[in-house]
Amino acid sequence: MATEFKNFVNNQITQEKSCFIRYVEERNELRKRVEASQDPINVSDGMPFKTKHSAIIGCLRETQKMDRNRIIMLTALINDIIDGIREKECQVKLLEVNEQVSSDTD
């Protein structure tokens, strides 16, 4: 029973690590996108634009704000995944210690 549970937890750890990698990649892509969108915003600051251009820059700023919020959420998810992986790894270690103690007393 302990071996089955240990295998189950190890499988969960593997799945969470792959999820962790996807979220880190997504966060990094968003960071690049936010940085790239900053250049046109910086250029536009202080320059007189027609209403159409102002609307485009406003839209770009709003998109950048949403992307930053997604970065914050992804970072929180990444941190939660890391905590979950650590907790599961501790559970596996405790099971291994328990198995060792049980086999030593036999």
PDB file of N, CA and C in Angstrom:
ATOM      1  N   MET A   1       0.825  -1.199   0.000  1.00  0.00           N
ATOM      2  CA  MET A   1       0.000   0.000   0.000  1.00  0.00           C
ATOM      3  C   MET A   1       0.867   1.259   0.000  1.00  0.00           C
ATOM      4  N   ALA A   2       1.924   1.260   0.804  1.00  0.00           N
ATOM      5  CA  ALA A   2       2.797   2.431   0.868  1.00  0.00           C
ATOM      6  C   ALA A   2       3.497   2.661  -0.463  1.00  0.00           C
ATOM      7  N   THR A   3       3.878   1.580  -1.134  1.00  0.00           N
ATOM      8  CA  THR A   3       4.551   1.709  -2.431  1.00  0.00           C
ATOM      9  C   THR A   3       3.606   2.303  -3.466  1.00  0.00           C
ATOM     10  N   GLU A   4       2.348   1.870  -3.443  1.00  0.00           N
ATOM     11  CA  GLU A   4       1.361   2.416  -4.375  1.00  0.00           C
ATOM     12  C   GLU A   4       1.157   3.906  -4.132  1.00  0.00           C
ATOM     13  N   PHE A   5       1.058   4.271  -2.859  1.00  0.00           N
ATOM     14  CA  PHE A   5       0.875   5.682  -2.529  1.00  0.00           C
ATOM     15  C   PHE A   5       2.100   6.496  -2.937  1.00  0.00           C
ATOM     16  N   LYS A   6       3.275   5.942  -2.693  1.00  0.00           N
ATOM     17  CA  LYS A   6       4.514   6.628  -3.063  1.00  0.00           C
ATOM     18  C   LYS A   6       4.570   6.823  -4.578  1.00  0.00           C
ATOM     19  N   ASN A   7       4.198   5.804  -5.335  1.00  0.00           N
ATOM     20  CA  ASN A   7       4.162   5.923  -6.796  1.00  0.00           C
ATOM     21  C   ASN A   7       3.143   6.968  -7.248  1.00  0.00           C
ATOM     22  N   PHE A   8       1.996   6.972  -6.579  1.00  0.00           N
ATOM     23  CA  PHE A   8       0.961   7.956  -6.886  1.00  0.00           C
ATOM     24  C   PHE A   8       1.475   9.375  -6.650  1.00  0.00           C
ATOM     25  N   VAL A   9       2.111   9.600  -5.511  1.00  0.00           N
ATOM     26  CA  VAL A   9       2.635  10.927  -5.174  1.00  0.00           C
ATOM     27  C   VAL A   9       3.759  11.316  -6.135  1.00  0.00           C
ATOM     28  N   ASN A  10       4.631  10.377  -6.456  1.00  0.00           N
ATOM     29  CA  ASN A  10       5.704  10.669  -7.412  1.00  0.00           C
ATOM     30  C   ASN A  10       5.141  11.045  -8.781  1.00  0.00           C
ATOM     31  N   ASN A  11       4.061  10.392  -9.187  1.00  0.00           N
ATOM     32  CA  ASN A  11       3.402  10.733 -10.444  1.00  0.00           C
ATOM     33  C   ASN A  11       2.836  12.151 -10.388  1.00  0.00           C
ATOM     34  N   GLN A  12       2.232  12.503  -9.264  1.00  0.00           N
ATOM     35  CA  GLN A  12       1.719  13.863  -9.092  1.00  0.00           C
ATOM     36  C   GLN A  12       2.850  14.888  -9.159  1.00  0.00           C
ATOM     37  N   ILE A  13       3.969  14.576  -8.545  1.00  0.00           N
ATOM     38  CA  ILE A  13       5.124  15.478  -8.571  1.00  0.00           C
ATOM     39  C   ILE A  13       5.576  15.698 -10.011  1.00  0.00           C
ATOM     40  N   THR A  14       5.642  14.634 -10.782  1.00  0.00           N
ATOM     41  CA  THR A  14       6.050  14.737 -12.188  1.00  0.00           C
ATOM     42  C   THR A  14       5.085  15.621 -12.969  1.00  0.00           C
ATOM     43  N   GLN A  15       3.792  15.431 -12.751  1.00  0.00           N
ATOM     44  CA  GLN A  15       2.791  16.243 -13.436  1.00  0.00           C
ATOM     45  C   GLN A  15       2.897  17.708 -13.026  1.00  0.00           C
ATOM     46  N   GLU A  16       3.107  17.950 -11.745  1.00  0.00           N
ATOM     47  CA  GLU A  16       3.214  19.326 -11.268  1.00  0.00           C
ATOM     48  C   GLU A  16       4.475  20.003 -11.795  1.00  0.00           C
ATOM     49  N   LYS A  17       5.551  19.244 -11.941  1.00  0.00           N
ATOM     50  CA  LYS A  17       6.780  19.825 -12.493  1.00  0.00           C
ATOM     51  C   LYS A  17       6.585  20.229 -13.948  1.00  0.00           C
ATOM     52  N   SER A  18       5.852  19.431 -14.720  1.00  0.00           N
ATOM     53  CA  SER A  18       5.606  19.812 -16.116  1.00  0.00           C
ATOM     54  C   SER A  18       4.686  21.030 -16.186  1.00  0.00           C
ATOM     55  N   CYS A  19       3.722  21.103 -15.295  1.00  0.00           N
ATOM     56  CA  CYS A  19       2.848  22.276 -15.217  1.00  0.00           C
ATOM     57  C   CYS A  19       3.665  23.509 -14.828  1.00  0.00           C
ATOM     58  N   PHE A  20       4.564  23.331 -13.875  1.00  0.00           N
ATOM     59  CA  PHE A  20       5.456  24.399 -13.433  1.00  0.00           C
ATOM     60  C   PHE A  20       6.256  24.948 -14.613  1.00  0.00           C
ATOM     61  N   ILE A  21       6.800  24.062 -15.420  1.00  0.00           N
ATOM     62  CA  ILE A  21       7.604  24.476 -16.580  1.00  0.00           C
ATOM     63  C   ILE A  21       6.750  25.282 -17.563  1.00  0.00           C
ATOM     64  N   ARG A  22       5.528  24.818 -17.826  1.00  0.00           N
ATOM     65  CA  ARG A  22       4.642  25.543 -18.754  1.00  0.00           C
ATOM     66  C   ARG A  22       4.323  26.942 -18.236  1.00  0.00           C
ATOM     67  N   TYR A  23       4.021  27.052 -16.934  1.00  0.00           N
ATOM     68  CA  TYR A  23       3.695  28.357 -16.364  1.00  0.00           C
ATOM     69  C   TYR A  23       4.894  29.298 -16.377  1.00  0.00           C
ATOM     70  N   VAL A  24       6.080  28.776 -16.104  1.00  0.00           N
ATOM     71  CA  VAL A  24       7.284  29.612 -16.145  1.00  0.00           C
ATOM     72  C   VAL A  24       7.520  30.112 -17.570  1.00  0.00           C
ATOM     73  N   GLU A  25       7.352  29.233 -18.549  1.00  0.00           N
ATOM     74  CA  GLU A  25       7.525  29.645 -19.947  1.00  0.00           C
ATOM     75  C   GLU A  25       6.504  30.706 -20.339  1.00  0.00           C
ATOM     76  N   GLU A  26       5.262  30.506 -19.938  1.00  0.00           N
ATOM     77  CA  GLU A  26       4.211  31.479 -20.244  1.00  0.00           C
ATOM     78  C   GLU A  26       4.519  32.823 -19.588  1.00  0.00           C
ATOM     79  N   ARG A  27       4.944  32.795 -18.333  1.00  0.00           N
ATOM     80  CA  ARG A  27       5.284  34.036 -17.631  1.00  0.00           C
ATOM     81  C   ARG A  27       6.446  34.752 -18.317  1.00  0.00           C
ATOM     82  N   ASN A  28       7.450  34.001 -18.739  1.00  0.00           N
ATOM     83  CA  ASN A  28       8.593  34.607 -19.417  1.00  0.00           C
ATOM     84  C   ASN A  28       8.187  35.242 -20.747  1.00  0.00           C
ATOM     85  N   GLU A  29       7.298  34.584 -21.481  1.00  0.00           N
ATOM     86  CA  GLU A  29       6.800  35.156 -22.735  1.00  0.00           C
ATOM     87  C   GLU A  29       6.025  36.447 -22.481  1.00  0.00           C
ATOM     88  N   LEU A  30       5.216  36.446 -21.434  1.00  0.00           N
ATOM     89  CA  LEU A  30       4.471  37.662 -21.096  1.00  0.00           C
ATOM     90  C   LEU A  30       5.420  38.794 -20.716  1.00  0.00           C
ATOM     91  N   ARG A  31       6.450  38.478 -19.964  1.00  0.00           N
ATOM     92  CA  ARG A  31       7.435  39.506 -19.592  1.00  0.00           C
ATOM     93  C   ARG A  31       8.081  40.111 -20.834  1.00  0.00           C
ATOM     94  N   LYS A  32       8.435  39.261 -21.791  1.00  0.00           N
ATOM     95  CA  LYS A  32       9.023  39.763 -23.042  1.00  0.00           C
ATOM     96  C   LYS A  32       8.035  40.671 -23.772  1.00  0.00           C
ATOM     97  N   ARG A  33       6.781  40.253 -23.795  1.00  0.00           N
ATOM     98  CA  ARG A  33       5.761  41.041 -24.486  1.00  0.00           C
ATOM     99  C   ARG A  33       5.554  42.396 -23.813  1.00  0.00           C
ATOM    100  N   VAL A  34       5.551  42.404 -22.488  1.00  0.00           N
ATOM    101  CA  VAL A  34       5.392  43.659 -21.753  1.00  0.00           C
ATOM    102  C   VAL A  34       6.582  44.577 -22.019  1.00  0.00           C
ATOM    103  N   GLU A  35       7.781  44.008 -21.984  1.00  0.00           N
ATOM    104  CA  GLU A  35       8.976  44.815 -22.255  1.00  0.00           C
ATOM    105  C   GLU A  35       8.952  45.377 -23.675  1.00  0.00           C
ATOM    106  N   ALA A  36       8.543  44.568 -24.639  1.00  0.00           N
ATOM    107  CA  ALA A  36       8.497  45.017 -26.030  1.00  0.00           C
ATOM    108  C   ALA A  36       7.454  46.110 -26.236  1.00  0.00           C
ATOM    109  N   SER A  37       6.355  46.037 -25.505  1.00  0.00           N
ATOM    110  CA  SER A  37       5.309  47.050 -25.665  1.00  0.00           C
ATOM    111  C   SER A  37       5.673  48.355 -24.969  1.00  0.00           C
ATOM    112  N   GLN A  38       6.680  48.316 -24.114  1.00  0.00           N
ATOM    113  CA  GLN A  38       7.072  49.524 -23.394  1.00  0.00           C
ATOM    114  C   GLN A  38       7.725  50.548 -24.324  1.00  0.00           C
ATOM    115  N   ASP A  39       8.457  50.097 -25.328  1.00  0.00           N
ATOM    116  CA  ASP A  39       9.141  51.019 -26.246  1.00  0.00           C
ATOM    117  C   ASP A  39       8.177  51.974 -26.954  1.00  0.00           C
ATOM    118  N   PRO A  40       7.115  51.470 -27.592  1.00  0.00           N
ATOM    119  CA  PRO A  40       6.189  52.413 -28.242  1.00  0.00           C
ATOM    120  C   PRO A  40       5.516  53.358 -27.249  1.00  0.00           C
ATOM    121  N   ILE A  41       5.271  52.867 -26.043  1.00  0.00           N
ATOM    122  CA  ILE A  41       4.650  53.722 -25.029  1.00  0.00           C
ATOM    123  C   ILE A  41       5.619  54.831 -24.633  1.00  0.00           C
ATOM    124  N   ASN A  42       6.879  54.481 -24.415  1.00  0.00           N
ATOM    125  CA  ASN A  42       7.880  55.484 -24.049  1.00  0.00           C
ATOM    126  C   ASN A  42       8.049  56.525 -25.148  1.00  0.00           C
ATOM    127  N   VAL A  43       8.065  56.081 -26.396  1.00  0.00           N
ATOM    128  CA  VAL A  43       8.219  57.001 -27.526  1.00  0.00           C
ATOM    129  C   VAL A  43       7.036  57.952 -27.594  1.00  0.00           C
ATOM    130  N   SER A  44       5.857  57.435 -27.293  1.00  0.00           N
ATOM    131  CA  SER A  44       4.650  58.248 -27.420  1.00  0.00           C
ATOM    132  C   SER A  44       4.509  59.276 -26.308  1.00  0.00           C
ATOM    133  N   ASP A  45       5.120  59.027 -25.147  1.00  0.00           N
ATOM    134  CA  ASP A  45       4.995  59.963 -24.029  1.00  0.00           C
ATOM    135  C   ASP A  45       5.595  61.313 -24.413  1.00  0.00           C
ATOM    136  N   GLY A  46       4.817  62.335 -24.228  1.00  0.00           N
ATOM    137  CA  GLY A  46       5.288  63.682 -24.505  1.00  0.00           C
ATOM    138  C   GLY A  46       5.167  64.115 -25.954  1.00  0.00           C
ATOM    139  N   MET A  47       4.710  63.231 -26.810  1.00  0.00           N
ATOM    140  CA  MET A  47       4.564  63.588 -28.225  1.00  0.00           C
ATOM    141  C   MET A  47       3.091  63.838 -28.530  1.00  0.00           C
ATOM    142  N   PRO A  48       2.815  64.903 -29.248  1.00  0.00           N
ATOM    143  CA  PRO A  48       1.412  65.164 -29.602  1.00  0.00           C
ATOM    144  C   PRO A  48       0.947  64.184 -30.687  1.00  0.00           C
ATOM    145  N   PHE A  49      -0.110  63.480 -30.396  1.00  0.00           N
ATOM    146  CA  PHE A  49      -0.678  62.540 -31.361  1.00  0.00           C
ATOM    147  C   PHE A  49      -2.128  62.897 -31.619  1.00  0.00           C
ATOM    148  N   LYS A  50      -2.589  62.466 -32.737  1.00  0.00           N
ATOM    149  CA  LYS A  50      -4.004  62.627 -33.040  1.00  0.00           C
ATOM    150  C   LYS A  50      -4.787  61.664 -32.159  1.00  0.00           C
ATOM    151  N   THR A  51      -6.070  61.852 -32.105  1.00  0.00           N
ATOM    152  CA  THR A  51      -6.935  61.040 -31.260  1.00  0.00           C
ATOM    153  C   THR A  51      -6.793  59.555 -31.563  1.00  0.00           C
ATOM    154  N   LYS A  52      -6.670  59.208 -32.825  1.00  0.00           N
ATOM    155  CA  LYS A  52      -6.548  57.805 -33.215  1.00  0.00           C
ATOM    156  C   LYS A  52      -5.286  57.185 -32.609  1.00  0.00           C
ATOM    157  N   HIS A  53      -4.188  57.906 -32.669  1.00  0.00           N
ATOM    158  CA  HIS A  53      -2.945  57.396 -32.107  1.00  0.00           C
ATOM    159  C   HIS A  53      -3.018  57.313 -30.579  1.00  0.00           C
ATOM    160  N   SER A  54      -3.672  58.277 -29.967  1.00  0.00           N
ATOM    161  CA  SER A  54      -3.845  58.250 -28.512  1.00  0.00           C
ATOM    162  C   SER A  54      -4.654  57.031 -28.085  1.00  0.00           C
ATOM    163  N   ALA A  55      -5.670  56.703 -28.869  1.00  0.00           N
ATOM    164  CA  ALA A  55      -6.495  55.535 -28.563  1.00  0.00           C
ATOM    165  C   ALA A  55      -5.679  54.253 -28.684  1.00  0.00           C
ATOM    166  N   ILE A  56      -4.808  54.194 -29.690  1.00  0.00           N
ATOM    167  CA  ILE A  56      -3.965  53.007 -29.875  1.00  0.00           C
ATOM    168  C   ILE A  56      -3.013  52.846 -28.696  1.00  0.00           C
ATOM    169  N   ILE A  57      -2.384  53.944 -28.279  1.00  0.00           N
ATOM    170  CA  ILE A  57      -1.458  53.891 -27.140  1.00  0.00           C
ATOM    171  C   ILE A  57      -2.220  53.533 -25.865  1.00  0.00           C
ATOM    172  N   GLY A  58      -3.428  54.071 -25.713  1.00  0.00           N
ATOM    173  CA  GLY A  58      -4.253  53.731 -24.552  1.00  0.00           C
ATOM    174  C   GLY A  58      -4.580  52.248 -24.518  1.00  0.00           C
ATOM    175  N   CYS A  59      -4.888  51.699 -25.676  1.00  0.00           N
ATOM    176  CA  CYS A  59      -5.167  50.263 -25.780  1.00  0.00           C
ATOM    177  C   CYS A  59      -3.917  49.455 -25.450  1.00  0.00           C
ATOM    178  N   LEU A  60      -2.779  49.915 -25.943  1.00  0.00           N
ATOM    179  CA  LEU A  60      -1.510  49.238 -25.664  1.00  0.00           C
ATOM    180  C   LEU A  60      -1.199  49.250 -24.168  1.00  0.00           C
ATOM    181  N   ARG A  61      -1.458  50.374 -23.522  1.00  0.00           N
ATOM    182  CA  ARG A  61      -1.236  50.465 -22.066  1.00  0.00           C
ATOM    183  C   ARG A  61      -2.165  49.512 -21.310  1.00  0.00           C
ATOM    184  N   GLU A  62      -3.415  49.454 -21.747  1.00  0.00           N
ATOM    185  CA  GLU A  62      -4.384  48.569 -21.085  1.00  0.00           C
ATOM    186  C   GLU A  62      -3.986  47.107 -21.255  1.00  0.00           C
ATOM    187  N   THR A  63      -3.552  46.743 -22.444  1.00  0.00           N
ATOM    188  CA  THR A  63      -3.090  45.373 -22.692  1.00  0.00           C
ATOM    189  C   THR A  63      -1.875  45.058 -21.835  1.00  0.00           C
ATOM    190  N   GLN A  64      -0.971  46.014 -21.734  1.00  0.00           N
ATOM    191  CA  GLN A  64       0.224  45.833 -20.914  1.00  0.00           C
ATOM    192  C   GLN A  64      -0.164  45.631 -19.442  1.00  0.00           C
ATOM    193  N   LYS A  65      -1.143  46.381 -18.987  1.00  0.00           N
ATOM    194  CA  LYS A  65      -1.619  46.248 -17.605  1.00  0.00           C
ATOM    195  C   LYS A  65      -2.203  44.849 -17.372  1.00  0.00           C
ATOM    196  N   MET A  66      -3.003  44.360 -18.316  1.00  0.00           N
ATOM    197  CA  MET A  66      -3.576  43.018 -18.189  1.00  0.00           C
ATOM    198  C   MET A  66      -2.482  41.954 -18.195  1.00  0.00           C
ATOM    199  N   ASP A  67      -1.487  42.140 -19.058  1.00  0.00           N
ATOM    200  CA  ASP A  67      -0.373  41.187 -19.096  1.00  0.00           C
ATOM    201  C   ASP A  67       0.399  41.190 -17.782  1.00  0.00           C
ATOM    202  N   ARG A  68       0.600  42.357 -17.201  1.00  0.00           N
ATOM    203  CA  ARG A  68       1.286  42.427 -15.897  1.00  0.00           C
ATOM    204  C   ARG A  68       0.482  41.707 -14.818  1.00  0.00           C
ATOM    205  N   ASN A  69      -0.841  41.863 -14.857  1.00  0.00           N
ATOM    206  CA  ASN A  69      -1.689  41.152 -13.894  1.00  0.00           C
ATOM    207  C   ASN A  69      -1.586  39.639 -14.091  1.00  0.00           C
ATOM    208  N   ARG A  70      -1.518  39.205 -15.341  1.00  0.00           N
ATOM    209  CA  ARG A  70      -1.348  37.769 -15.615  1.00  0.00           C
ATOM    210  C   ARG A  70       0.000  37.281 -15.105  1.00  0.00           C
ATOM    211  N   ILE A  71       1.033  38.104 -15.238  1.00  0.00           N
ATOM    212  CA  ILE A  71       2.356  37.741 -14.717  1.00  0.00           C
ATOM    213  C   ILE A  71       2.287  37.546 -13.211  1.00  0.00           C
ATOM    214  N   ILE A  72       1.585  38.438 -12.531  1.00  0.00           N
ATOM    215  CA  ILE A  72       1.432  38.325 -11.075  1.00  0.00           C
ATOM    216  C   ILE A  72       0.701  37.037 -10.715  1.00  0.00           C
ATOM    217  N   MET A  73      -0.385  36.738 -11.446  1.00  0.00           N
ATOM    218  CA  MET A  73      -1.141  35.508 -11.166  1.00  0.00           C
ATOM    219  C   MET A  73      -0.312  34.262 -11.457  1.00  0.00           C
ATOM    220  N   LEU A  74       0.415  34.267 -12.564  1.00  0.00           N
ATOM    221  CA  LEU A  74       1.259  33.115 -12.891  1.00  0.00           C
ATOM    222  C   LEU A  74       2.360  32.927 -11.854  1.00  0.00           C
ATOM    223  N   THR A  75       2.923  34.018 -11.374  1.00  0.00           N
ATOM    224  CA  THR A  75       3.956  33.930 -10.340  1.00  0.00           C
ATOM    225  C   THR A  75       3.383  33.312  -9.069  1.00  0.00           C
ATOM    226  N   ALA A  76       2.168  33.711  -8.703  1.00  0.00           N
ATOM    227  CA  ALA A  76       1.523  33.122  -7.525  1.00  0.00           C
ATOM    228  C   ALA A  76       1.273  31.629  -7.738  1.00  0.00           C
ATOM    229  N   LEU A  77       0.807  31.247  -8.921  1.00  0.00           N
ATOM    230  CA  LEU A  77       0.593  29.827  -9.227  1.00  0.00           C
ATOM    231  C   LEU A  77       1.904  29.051  -9.188  1.00  0.00           C
ATOM    232  N   ILE A  78       2.949  29.636  -9.750  1.00  0.00           N
ATOM    233  CA  ILE A  78       4.263  28.991  -9.745  1.00  0.00           C
ATOM    234  C   ILE A  78       4.728  28.756  -8.315  1.00  0.00           C
ATOM    235  N   ASN A  79       4.560  29.760  -7.465  1.00  0.00           N
ATOM    236  CA  ASN A  79       4.960  29.613  -6.059  1.00  0.00           C
ATOM    237  C   ASN A  79       4.146  28.535  -5.354  1.00  0.00           C
ATOM    238  N   ASP A  80       2.842  28.476  -5.644  1.00  0.00           N
ATOM    239  CA  ASP A  80       1.997  27.428  -5.059  1.00  0.00           C
ATOM    240  C   ASP A  80       2.429  26.045  -5.532  1.00  0.00           C
ATOM    241  N   ILE A  81       2.761  25.929  -6.802  1.00  0.00           N
ATOM    242  CA  ILE A  81       3.212  24.637  -7.334  1.00  0.00           C
ATOM    243  C   ILE A  81       4.510  24.213  -6.662  1.00  0.00           C
ATOM    244  N   ILE A  82       5.434  25.151  -6.508  1.00  0.00           N
ATOM    245  CA  ILE A  82       6.701  24.841  -5.832  1.00  0.00           C
ATOM    246  C   ILE A  82       6.439  24.339  -4.417  1.00  0.00           C
ATOM    247  N   ASP A  83       5.557  25.030  -3.690  1.00  0.00           N
ATOM    248  CA  ASP A  83       5.221  24.600  -2.327  1.00  0.00           C
ATOM    249  C   ASP A  83       4.595  23.210  -2.324  1.00  0.00           C
ATOM    250  N   GLY A  84       3.706  22.951  -3.288  1.00  0.00           N
ATOM    251  CA  GLY A  84       3.066  21.641  -3.378  1.00  0.00           C
ATOM    252  C   GLY A  84       4.056  20.533  -3.686  1.00  0.00           C
ATOM    253  N   ILE A  85       4.991  20.807  -4.576  1.00  0.00           N
ATOM    254  CA  ILE A  85       6.016  19.814  -4.913  1.00  0.00           C
ATOM    255  C   ILE A  85       6.865  19.506  -3.687  1.00  0.00           C
ATOM    256  N   ARG A  86       7.272  20.543  -2.982  1.00  0.00           N
ATOM    257  CA  ARG A  86       8.088  20.333  -1.769  1.00  0.00           C
ATOM    258  C   ARG A  86       7.338  19.500  -0.732  1.00  0.00           C
ATOM    259  N   GLU A  87       6.058  19.803  -0.561  1.00  0.00           N
ATOM    260  CA  GLU A  87       5.245  19.064   0.405  1.00  0.00           C
ATOM    261  C   GLU A  87       5.139  17.597   0.009  1.00  0.00           C
ATOM    262  N   LYS A  88       4.894  17.347  -1.255  1.00  0.00           N
ATOM    263  CA  LYS A  88       4.780  15.958  -1.722  1.00  0.00           C
ATOM    264  C   LYS A  88       6.115  15.226  -1.614  1.00  0.00           C
ATOM    265  N   GLU A  89       7.214  15.916  -1.898  1.00  0.00           N
ATOM    266  CA  GLU A  89       8.528  15.292  -1.746  1.00  0.00           C
ATOM    267  C   GLU A  89       8.797  14.931  -0.285  1.00  0.00           C
ATOM    268  N   CYS A  90       8.341  15.772   0.636  1.00  0.00           N
ATOM    269  CA  CYS A  90       8.469  15.451   2.065  1.00  0.00           C
ATOM    270  C   CYS A  90       7.636  14.223   2.420  1.00  0.00           C
ATOM    271  N   GLN A  91       6.439  14.120   1.846  1.00  0.00           N
ATOM    272  CA  GLN A  91       5.595  12.953   2.104  1.00  0.00           C
ATOM    273  C   GLN A  91       6.282  11.678   1.638  1.00  0.00           C
ATOM    274  N   VAL A  92       6.889  11.728   0.462  1.00  0.00           N
ATOM    275  CA  VAL A  92       7.595  10.557  -0.061  1.00  0.00           C
ATOM    276  C   VAL A  92       8.759  10.196   0.855  1.00  0.00           C
ATOM    277  N   LYS A  93       9.514  11.188   1.301  1.00  0.00           N
ATOM    278  CA  LYS A  93      10.647  10.926   2.203  1.00  0.00           C
ATOM    279  C   LYS A  93      10.167  10.294   3.507  1.00  0.00           C
ATOM    280  N   LEU A  94       9.063  10.815   4.048  1.00  0.00           N
ATOM    281  CA  LEU A  94       8.515  10.240   5.282  1.00  0.00           C
ATOM    282  C   LEU A  94       8.089   8.795   5.070  1.00  0.00           C
ATOM    283  N   LEU A  95       7.497   8.512   3.924  1.00  0.00           N
ATOM    284  CA  LEU A  95       7.117   7.128   3.623  1.00  0.00           C
ATOM    285  C   LEU A  95       8.345   6.232   3.542  1.00  0.00           C
ATOM    286  N   GLU A  96       9.399   6.737   2.907  1.00  0.00           N
ATOM    287  CA  GLU A  96      10.629   5.951   2.796  1.00  0.00           C
ATOM    288  C   GLU A  96      11.246   5.690   4.166  1.00  0.00           C
ATOM    289  N   VAL A  97      11.250   6.711   5.015  1.00  0.00           N
ATOM    290  CA  VAL A  97      11.779   6.535   6.375  1.00  0.00           C
ATOM    291  C   VAL A  97      10.924   5.542   7.135  1.00  0.00           C
ATOM    292  N   ASN A  98       9.610   5.667   7.006  1.00  0.00           N
ATOM    293  CA  ASN A  98       8.698   4.756   7.691  1.00  0.00           C
ATOM    294  C   ASN A  98       8.907   3.323   7.212  1.00  0.00           C
ATOM    295  N   GLU A  99       9.086   3.147   5.904  1.00  0.00           N
ATOM    296  CA  GLU A  99       9.343   1.806   5.370  1.00  0.00           C
ATOM    297  C   GLU A  99      10.658   1.252   5.904  1.00  0.00           C
ATOM    298  N   GLN A 100      11.658   2.107   5.986  1.00  0.00           N
ATOM    299  CA  GLN A 100      12.967   1.679   6.490  1.00  0.00           C
ATOM    300  C   GLN A 100      12.875   1.267   7.956  1.00  0.00           C
ATOM    301  N   VAL A 101      12.167   2.072   8.736  1.00  0.00           N
ATOM    302  CA  VAL A 101      12.001   1.750  10.157  1.00  0.00           C
ATOM    303  C   VAL A 101      11.229   0.450  10.310  1.00  0.00           C
ATOM    304  N   SER A 102      10.189   0.280   9.506  1.00  0.00           N
ATOM    305  CA  SER A 102       9.388  -0.945   9.576  1.00  0.00           C
ATOM    306  C   SER A 102      10.211  -2.167   9.197  1.00  0.00           C
ATOM    307  N   SER A 103      11.046  -2.039   8.178  1.00  0.00           N
ATOM    308  CA  SER A 103      11.856  -3.188   7.765  1.00  0.00           C
ATOM    309  C   SER A 103      12.969  -3.475   8.770  1.00  0.00           C
ATOM    310  N   ASP A 104      13.452  -2.461   9.464  1.00  0.00           N
ATOM    311  CA  ASP A 104      14.493  -2.664  10.476  1.00  0.00           C
ATOM    312  C   ASP A 104      13.951  -3.381  11.709  1.00  0.00           C
ATOM    313  N   THR A 105      12.681  -3.159  12.019  1.00  0.00           N
ATOM    314  CA  THR A 105      12.097  -3.789  13.205  1.00  0.00           C
ATOM    315  C   THR A 105      11.621  -5.202  12.932  1.00  0.00           C
ATOM    316  N   ASP A 106      11.541  -5.573  11.664  1.00  0.00           N
ATOM    317  CA  ASP A 106      11.089  -6.939  11.321  1.00  0.00           C
ATOM    318  C   ASP A 106      12.133  -7.972  11.579  1.00  0.00           C
TER     319      ASP A 106
END
